[in-house]
């Protein structure tokens, strides 16, 4: 991915993750559906499970964007399982967490693909100018704790001054509260809002959310 982001006119850079810096490993979602089906003993075809997982993934992302709230990962699991006629009353948080641990292992085995071209060089250039970087990502199936592990593995965490994930804040972009959290975490509290650039691929969650709050924004077009 090539961009014409001008780093000279800004002092702090806020990056979305999905479809901005990274995209899913081509095999991961298929493997996750297989795990979902076997772990919960779902009596449906893999194709039907895959369609249901995608439907609720997309639906919950949209709900989070519209309301500015955050639907918990386990709630997404329960919606999917209920739709697939699994008796969710027989489940508990321990069982759901056991599945999440297995899902995380799978995610770190089939790691996301970095799509932002020369990202280490780009981050180096920003940091060498004494500027700062954060991650600001809405989450769904994959929680912020897992994303941190991935970014450490990719040697990207070294560049990041702070991380903000919707599951940890219990609110999602474009909610102004999550952009306020970015502002609150920047060391230079006197930094003008226009000097803070949020970069993402979503016209509503990233671009409109950031500009409505008062940040500068850059919309990546994949």
C-alpha atoms as a PDB file:
ATOM      1  CA  UNK A   1       0.000   0.000   0.000  1.00  0.00           C
ATOM      2  CA  UNK A   2       1.485   3.329  -1.040  1.00  0.00           C
ATOM      3  CA  UNK A   3       0.347   6.618   0.468  1.00  0.00           C
ATOM      4  CA  UNK A   4       1.164  10.285   0.146  1.00  0.00           C
ATOM      5  CA  UNK A   5       0.791  10.952   3.881  1.00  0.00           C
ATOM      6  CA  UNK A   6       2.791  14.059   4.734  1.00  0.00           C
ATOM      7  CA  UNK A   7       4.334  13.472   8.142  1.00  0.00           C
ATOM      8  CA  UNK A   8       5.893  16.934   8.329  1.00  0.00           C
ATOM      9  CA  UNK A   9       2.649  18.812   9.041  1.00  0.00           C
ATOM     10  CA  UNK A  10       1.642  16.692  12.042  1.00  0.00           C
ATOM     11  CA  UNK A  11       3.196  15.772  15.388  1.00  0.00           C
ATOM     12  CA  UNK A  12       1.109  12.777  16.440  1.00  0.00           C
ATOM     13  CA  UNK A  13      -0.152   9.887  14.286  1.00  0.00           C
ATOM     14  CA  UNK A  14      -3.095   7.667  15.173  1.00  0.00           C
ATOM     15  CA  UNK A  15      -3.464   4.476  13.100  1.00  0.00           C
ATOM     16  CA  UNK A  16      -6.406   2.185  12.588  1.00  0.00           C
ATOM     17  CA  UNK A  17      -5.363  -1.478  12.231  1.00  0.00           C
ATOM     18  CA  UNK A  18      -7.678  -3.583  10.053  1.00  0.00           C
ATOM     19  CA  UNK A  19      -7.455  -2.787   6.331  1.00  0.00           C
ATOM     20  CA  UNK A  20      -5.158   0.107   7.221  1.00  0.00           C
ATOM     21  CA  UNK A  21      -1.988  -1.571   8.473  1.00  0.00           C
ATOM     22  CA  UNK A  22      -3.043  -5.234   8.253  1.00  0.00           C
ATOM     23  CA  UNK A  23      -5.522  -7.664   6.716  1.00  0.00           C
ATOM     24  CA  UNK A  24      -6.512 -11.203   7.721  1.00  0.00           C
ATOM     25  CA  UNK A  25      -4.351 -14.158   6.738  1.00  0.00           C
ATOM     26  CA  UNK A  26      -6.143 -15.739   3.737  1.00  0.00           C
ATOM     27  CA  UNK A  27      -6.660 -19.019   5.619  1.00  0.00           C
ATOM     28  CA  UNK A  28      -7.485 -17.696   9.080  1.00  0.00           C
ATOM     29  CA  UNK A  29     -11.243 -17.182   8.797  1.00  0.00           C
ATOM     30  CA  UNK A  30     -11.774 -20.632   7.284  1.00  0.00           C
ATOM     31  CA  UNK A  31      -9.707 -22.219  10.066  1.00  0.00           C
ATOM     32  CA  UNK A  32     -11.650 -20.252  12.697  1.00  0.00           C
ATOM     33  CA  UNK A  33     -14.981 -21.463  11.311  1.00  0.00           C
ATOM     34  CA  UNK A  34     -13.723 -25.058  11.445  1.00  0.00           C
ATOM     35  CA  UNK A  35     -12.613 -24.529  15.055  1.00  0.00           C
ATOM     36  CA  UNK A  36     -15.941 -22.882  15.943  1.00  0.00           C
ATOM     37  CA  UNK A  37     -17.879 -25.767  14.447  1.00  0.00           C
ATOM     38  CA  UNK A  38     -15.877 -28.545  16.123  1.00  0.00           C
ATOM     39  CA  UNK A  39     -15.414 -26.853  19.512  1.00  0.00           C
ATOM     40  CA  UNK A  40     -19.117 -26.192  20.021  1.00  0.00           C
ATOM     41  CA  UNK A  41     -20.273 -29.405  18.261  1.00  0.00           C
ATOM     42  CA  UNK A  42     -22.422 -27.461  15.802  1.00  0.00           C
ATOM     43  CA  UNK A  43     -24.747 -29.701  13.833  1.00  0.00           C
ATOM     44  CA  UNK A  44     -24.695 -27.598  10.653  1.00  0.00           C
ATOM     45  CA  UNK A  45     -22.623 -27.565   7.490  1.00  0.00           C
ATOM     46  CA  UNK A  46     -19.349 -25.642   7.505  1.00  0.00           C
ATOM     47  CA  UNK A  47     -20.795 -23.410   4.792  1.00  0.00           C
ATOM     48  CA  UNK A  48     -23.775 -22.466   6.975  1.00  0.00           C
ATOM     49  CA  UNK A  49     -21.521 -21.835   9.966  1.00  0.00           C
ATOM     50  CA  UNK A  50     -19.255 -19.629   7.803  1.00  0.00           C
ATOM     51  CA  UNK A  51     -22.208 -17.567   6.538  1.00  0.00           C
ATOM     52  CA  UNK A  52     -23.570 -17.133  10.063  1.00  0.00           C
ATOM     53  CA  UNK A  53     -20.187 -16.090  11.461  1.00  0.00           C
ATOM     54  CA  UNK A  54     -19.736 -13.525   8.682  1.00  0.00           C
ATOM     55  CA  UNK A  55     -23.286 -12.199   9.105  1.00  0.00           C
ATOM     56  CA  UNK A  56     -22.858 -11.515  12.832  1.00  0.00           C
ATOM     57  CA  UNK A  57     -19.316 -10.197  12.398  1.00  0.00           C
ATOM     58  CA  UNK A  58     -20.554  -7.620   9.882  1.00  0.00           C
ATOM     59  CA  UNK A  59     -23.727  -6.876  11.870  1.00  0.00           C
ATOM     60  CA  UNK A  60     -21.903  -6.256  15.140  1.00  0.00           C
ATOM     61  CA  UNK A  61     -19.311  -4.052  13.428  1.00  0.00           C
ATOM     62  CA  UNK A  62     -22.128  -1.970  11.961  1.00  0.00           C
ATOM     63  CA  UNK A  63     -24.016  -1.772  15.277  1.00  0.00           C
ATOM     64  CA  UNK A  64     -20.838  -0.598  17.002  1.00  0.00           C
ATOM     65  CA  UNK A  65     -20.309   2.110  14.389  1.00  0.00           C
ATOM     66  CA  UNK A  66     -23.938   3.288  14.528  1.00  0.00           C
ATOM     67  CA  UNK A  67     -24.261   3.305  18.333  1.00  0.00           C
ATOM     68  CA  UNK A  68     -20.647   4.027  19.278  1.00  0.00           C
ATOM     69  CA  UNK A  69     -20.850   1.166  21.769  1.00  0.00           C
ATOM     70  CA  UNK A  70     -18.985  -2.120  21.832  1.00  0.00           C
ATOM     71  CA  UNK A  71     -20.521  -5.586  21.610  1.00  0.00           C
ATOM     72  CA  UNK A  72     -18.405  -8.001  23.632  1.00  0.00           C
ATOM     73  CA  UNK A  73     -16.609 -10.861  21.857  1.00  0.00           C
ATOM     74  CA  UNK A  74     -18.455 -13.443  23.951  1.00  0.00           C
ATOM     75  CA  UNK A  75     -21.794 -11.802  23.086  1.00  0.00           C
ATOM     76  CA  UNK A  76     -20.937 -12.211  19.391  1.00  0.00           C
ATOM     77  CA  UNK A  77     -20.176 -15.901  20.003  1.00  0.00           C
ATOM     78  CA  UNK A  78     -23.538 -16.376  21.739  1.00  0.00           C
ATOM     79  CA  UNK A  79     -25.469 -14.659  18.943  1.00  0.00           C
ATOM     80  CA  UNK A  80     -23.823 -16.932  16.371  1.00  0.00           C
ATOM     81  CA  UNK A  81     -24.369 -20.076  18.435  1.00  0.00           C
ATOM     82  CA  UNK A  82     -27.984 -19.187  19.202  1.00  0.00           C
ATOM     83  CA  UNK A  83     -28.647 -18.628  15.509  1.00  0.00           C
ATOM     84  CA  UNK A  84     -27.141 -22.068  14.785  1.00  0.00           C
ATOM     85  CA  UNK A  85     -29.525 -23.708  17.306  1.00  0.00           C
ATOM     86  CA  UNK A  86     -26.894 -24.393  19.961  1.00  0.00           C
ATOM     87  CA  UNK A  87     -28.419 -24.285  23.468  1.00  0.00           C
ATOM     88  CA  UNK A  88     -26.458 -21.329  24.838  1.00  0.00           C
ATOM     89  CA  UNK A  89     -27.916 -21.838  28.332  1.00  0.00           C
ATOM     90  CA  UNK A  90     -25.576 -24.821  28.622  1.00  0.00           C
ATOM     91  CA  UNK A  91     -22.542 -22.573  28.123  1.00  0.00           C
ATOM     92  CA  UNK A  92     -20.629 -20.415  30.605  1.00  0.00           C
ATOM     93  CA  UNK A  93     -17.891 -17.786  30.477  1.00  0.00           C
ATOM     94  CA  UNK A  94     -15.208 -20.396  31.187  1.00  0.00           C
ATOM     95  CA  UNK A  95     -16.202 -22.371  28.087  1.00  0.00           C
ATOM     96  CA  UNK A  96     -16.302 -19.206  25.960  1.00  0.00           C
ATOM     97  CA  UNK A  97     -12.906 -18.145  27.267  1.00  0.00           C
ATOM     98  CA  UNK A  98     -11.506 -21.603  26.506  1.00  0.00           C
ATOM     99  CA  UNK A  99     -12.625 -21.128  22.915  1.00  0.00           C
ATOM    100  CA  UNK A 100     -11.113 -17.620  22.796  1.00  0.00           C
ATOM    101  CA  UNK A 101      -7.730 -18.975  23.919  1.00  0.00           C
ATOM    102  CA  UNK A 102      -7.812 -21.555  21.107  1.00  0.00           C
ATOM    103  CA  UNK A 103      -8.947 -18.881  18.656  1.00  0.00           C
ATOM    104  CA  UNK A 104      -6.061 -16.638  19.706  1.00  0.00           C
ATOM    105  CA  UNK A 105      -3.577 -19.478  19.176  1.00  0.00           C
ATOM    106  CA  UNK A 106      -5.000 -19.954  15.686  1.00  0.00           C
ATOM    107  CA  UNK A 107      -4.812 -16.197  14.995  1.00  0.00           C
ATOM    108  CA  UNK A 108      -1.143 -16.083  15.992  1.00  0.00           C
ATOM    109  CA  UNK A 109      -0.422 -19.146  13.852  1.00  0.00           C
ATOM    110  CA  UNK A 110      -2.237 -17.677  10.824  1.00  0.00           C
ATOM    111  CA  UNK A 111      -1.055 -14.150  11.474  1.00  0.00           C
ATOM    112  CA  UNK A 112      -2.461 -11.111   9.671  1.00  0.00           C
ATOM    113  CA  UNK A 113      -0.651  -9.837   6.606  1.00  0.00           C
ATOM    114  CA  UNK A 114       0.963  -6.398   6.876  1.00  0.00           C
ATOM    115  CA  UNK A 115      -0.357  -4.370   3.921  1.00  0.00           C
ATOM    116  CA  UNK A 116       1.125  -0.956   4.701  1.00  0.00           C
ATOM    117  CA  UNK A 117       4.182  -0.807   2.476  1.00  0.00           C
ATOM    118  CA  UNK A 118       7.539  -0.352   4.236  1.00  0.00           C
ATOM    119  CA  UNK A 119       5.774   0.145   7.568  1.00  0.00           C
ATOM    120  CA  UNK A 120       8.921  -0.167   9.675  1.00  0.00           C
ATOM    121  CA  UNK A 121      10.688   2.490   7.582  1.00  0.00           C
ATOM    122  CA  UNK A 122       7.631   4.750   7.772  1.00  0.00           C
ATOM    123  CA  UNK A 123       7.352   4.392  11.555  1.00  0.00           C
ATOM    124  CA  UNK A 124      11.126   4.908  11.872  1.00  0.00           C
ATOM    125  CA  UNK A 125      10.845   8.168   9.967  1.00  0.00           C
ATOM    126  CA  UNK A 126       8.060   9.391  12.250  1.00  0.00           C
ATOM    127  CA  UNK A 127       9.886   8.444  15.451  1.00  0.00           C
ATOM    128  CA  UNK A 128      13.217   9.846  14.254  1.00  0.00           C
ATOM    129  CA  UNK A 129      11.519  13.239  14.014  1.00  0.00           C
ATOM    130  CA  UNK A 130      10.537  12.991  17.683  1.00  0.00           C
ATOM    131  CA  UNK A 131       6.883  12.400  16.851  1.00  0.00           C
ATOM    132  CA  UNK A 132       4.488   9.942  18.445  1.00  0.00           C
ATOM    133  CA  UNK A 133       2.217   7.088  17.307  1.00  0.00           C
ATOM    134  CA  UNK A 134      -0.822   5.276  18.644  1.00  0.00           C
ATOM    135  CA  UNK A 135      -3.056   2.434  17.513  1.00  0.00           C
ATOM    136  CA  UNK A 136      -6.813   3.092  17.613  1.00  0.00           C
ATOM    137  CA  UNK A 137      -8.815   0.038  16.567  1.00  0.00           C
ATOM    138  CA  UNK A 138     -12.360  -1.217  16.826  1.00  0.00           C
ATOM    139  CA  UNK A 139     -12.333  -4.876  17.831  1.00  0.00           C
ATOM    140  CA  UNK A 140     -14.771  -7.759  17.387  1.00  0.00           C
ATOM    141  CA  UNK A 141     -13.640 -11.354  17.397  1.00  0.00           C
ATOM    142  CA  UNK A 142     -10.037 -10.379  18.143  1.00  0.00           C
ATOM    143  CA  UNK A 143      -9.472  -8.477  21.382  1.00  0.00           C
ATOM    144  CA  UNK A 144      -6.893  -5.783  22.053  1.00  0.00           C
ATOM    145  CA  UNK A 145      -4.800  -8.122  24.212  1.00  0.00           C
ATOM    146  CA  UNK A 146      -4.309 -10.395  21.189  1.00  0.00           C
ATOM    147  CA  UNK A 147      -3.504  -7.493  18.856  1.00  0.00           C
ATOM    148  CA  UNK A 148      -0.758  -6.372  21.250  1.00  0.00           C
ATOM    149  CA  UNK A 149       0.808  -9.859  21.089  1.00  0.00           C
ATOM    150  CA  UNK A 150       0.725  -9.739  17.282  1.00  0.00           C
ATOM    151  CA  UNK A 151       2.295  -6.262  17.113  1.00  0.00           C
ATOM    152  CA  UNK A 152       5.086  -7.350  19.479  1.00  0.00           C
ATOM    153  CA  UNK A 153       5.731 -10.373  17.262  1.00  0.00           C
ATOM    154  CA  UNK A 154       5.973  -8.109  14.197  1.00  0.00           C
ATOM    155  CA  UNK A 155       8.422  -5.763  15.984  1.00  0.00           C
ATOM    156  CA  UNK A 156       5.914  -2.934  15.554  1.00  0.00           C
ATOM    157  CA  UNK A 157       5.093  -2.420  19.227  1.00  0.00           C
ATOM    158  CA  UNK A 158       8.452  -0.648  19.709  1.00  0.00           C
ATOM    159  CA  UNK A 159       7.131   2.326  17.723  1.00  0.00           C
ATOM    160  CA  UNK A 160       3.762   2.631  19.445  1.00  0.00           C
ATOM    161  CA  UNK A 161       3.397   5.052  22.342  1.00  0.00           C
ATOM    162  CA  UNK A 162      -0.035   3.756  23.357  1.00  0.00           C
ATOM    163  CA  UNK A 163      -2.819   1.455  22.190  1.00  0.00           C
ATOM    164  CA  UNK A 164      -6.589   2.019  22.338  1.00  0.00           C
ATOM    165  CA  UNK A 165      -9.014  -0.822  21.549  1.00  0.00           C
ATOM    166  CA  UNK A 166     -12.794  -0.631  21.615  1.00  0.00           C
ATOM    167  CA  UNK A 167     -13.203  -3.734  23.789  1.00  0.00           C
ATOM    168  CA  UNK A 168     -11.032  -2.135  26.485  1.00  0.00           C
ATOM    169  CA  UNK A 169     -12.808   1.227  26.268  1.00  0.00           C
ATOM    170  CA  UNK A 170     -16.308  -0.239  25.844  1.00  0.00           C
ATOM    171  CA  UNK A 171     -16.929   2.210  23.014  1.00  0.00           C
ATOM    172  CA  UNK A 172     -16.119   2.208  19.298  1.00  0.00           C
ATOM    173  CA  UNK A 173     -15.133   4.648  16.594  1.00  0.00           C
ATOM    174  CA  UNK A 174     -16.719   7.040  15.612  1.00  0.00           C
ATOM    175  CA  UNK A 175     -17.744   7.689  19.259  1.00  0.00           C
ATOM    176  CA  UNK A 176     -16.002  10.937  20.289  1.00  0.00           C
ATOM    177  CA  UNK A 177     -15.155   9.344  23.649  1.00  0.00           C
ATOM    178  CA  UNK A 178     -12.622   7.041  21.991  1.00  0.00           C
ATOM    179  CA  UNK A 179     -10.968   9.941  20.148  1.00  0.00           C
ATOM    180  CA  UNK A 180     -10.911  11.854  23.451  1.00  0.00           C
ATOM    181  CA  UNK A 181      -8.942   8.932  24.890  1.00  0.00           C
ATOM    182  CA  UNK A 182      -6.335   9.471  22.152  1.00  0.00           C
ATOM    183  CA  UNK A 183      -6.104  13.152  23.096  1.00  0.00           C
ATOM    184  CA  UNK A 184      -5.843  12.283  26.799  1.00  0.00           C
ATOM    185  CA  UNK A 185      -2.889   9.936  26.216  1.00  0.00           C
ATOM    186  CA  UNK A 186      -0.733  12.280  24.131  1.00  0.00           C
ATOM    187  CA  UNK A 187       2.222  13.520  26.196  1.00  0.00           C
ATOM    188  CA  UNK A 188       2.005  17.077  24.875  1.00  0.00           C
ATOM    189  CA  UNK A 189      -1.460  18.099  26.075  1.00  0.00           C
ATOM    190  CA  UNK A 190      -0.988  21.533  24.479  1.00  0.00           C
ATOM    191  CA  UNK A 191      -0.642  20.006  21.004  1.00  0.00           C
ATOM    192  CA  UNK A 192      -3.234  21.607  18.676  1.00  0.00           C
ATOM    193  CA  UNK A 193      -5.916  19.148  17.513  1.00  0.00           C
ATOM    194  CA  UNK A 194      -5.004  19.833  13.888  1.00  0.00           C
ATOM    195  CA  UNK A 195      -1.509  18.460  14.595  1.00  0.00           C
ATOM    196  CA  UNK A 196      -3.029  15.043  15.419  1.00  0.00           C
ATOM    197  CA  UNK A 197      -3.590  12.926  12.296  1.00  0.00           C
ATOM    198  CA  UNK A 198      -5.792   9.827  12.393  1.00  0.00           C
ATOM    199  CA  UNK A 199      -5.251   7.409   9.493  1.00  0.00           C
ATOM    200  CA  UNK A 200      -7.776   4.724   8.568  1.00  0.00           C
ATOM    201  CA  UNK A 201      -9.800   3.079   5.814  1.00  0.00           C
ATOM    202  CA  UNK A 202     -13.366   3.602   7.087  1.00  0.00           C
ATOM    203  CA  UNK A 203     -15.082   6.820   5.899  1.00  0.00           C
ATOM    204  CA  UNK A 204     -17.431   6.898   8.913  1.00  0.00           C
ATOM    205  CA  UNK A 205     -15.499   5.348  11.808  1.00  0.00           C
ATOM    206  CA  UNK A 206     -12.090   6.746  10.904  1.00  0.00           C
ATOM    207  CA  UNK A 207     -12.398   9.831   8.701  1.00  0.00           C
ATOM    208  CA  UNK A 208     -15.684  11.370   9.870  1.00  0.00           C
ATOM    209  CA  UNK A 209     -15.125  10.263  13.457  1.00  0.00           C
ATOM    210  CA  UNK A 210     -11.720  11.932  13.621  1.00  0.00           C
ATOM    211  CA  UNK A 211     -12.653  15.132  11.783  1.00  0.00           C
ATOM    212  CA  UNK A 212     -15.902  15.576  13.746  1.00  0.00           C
ATOM    213  CA  UNK A 213     -13.830  15.370  16.924  1.00  0.00           C
ATOM    214  CA  UNK A 214     -11.395  17.974  15.594  1.00  0.00           C
ATOM    215  CA  UNK A 215      -8.415  15.862  14.528  1.00  0.00           C
ATOM    216  CA  UNK A 216      -6.941  15.893  11.052  1.00  0.00           C
ATOM    217  CA  UNK A 217      -7.694  12.682   9.142  1.00  0.00           C
ATOM    218  CA  UNK A 218      -6.411  10.714   6.185  1.00  0.00           C
ATOM    219  CA  UNK A 219      -8.672   8.204   4.457  1.00  0.00           C
ATOM    220  CA  UNK A 220      -6.824   5.248   2.954  1.00  0.00           C
ATOM    221  CA  UNK A 221      -8.471   3.820  -0.161  1.00  0.00           C
ATOM    222  CA  UNK A 222      -7.630   0.160  -0.642  1.00  0.00           C
END
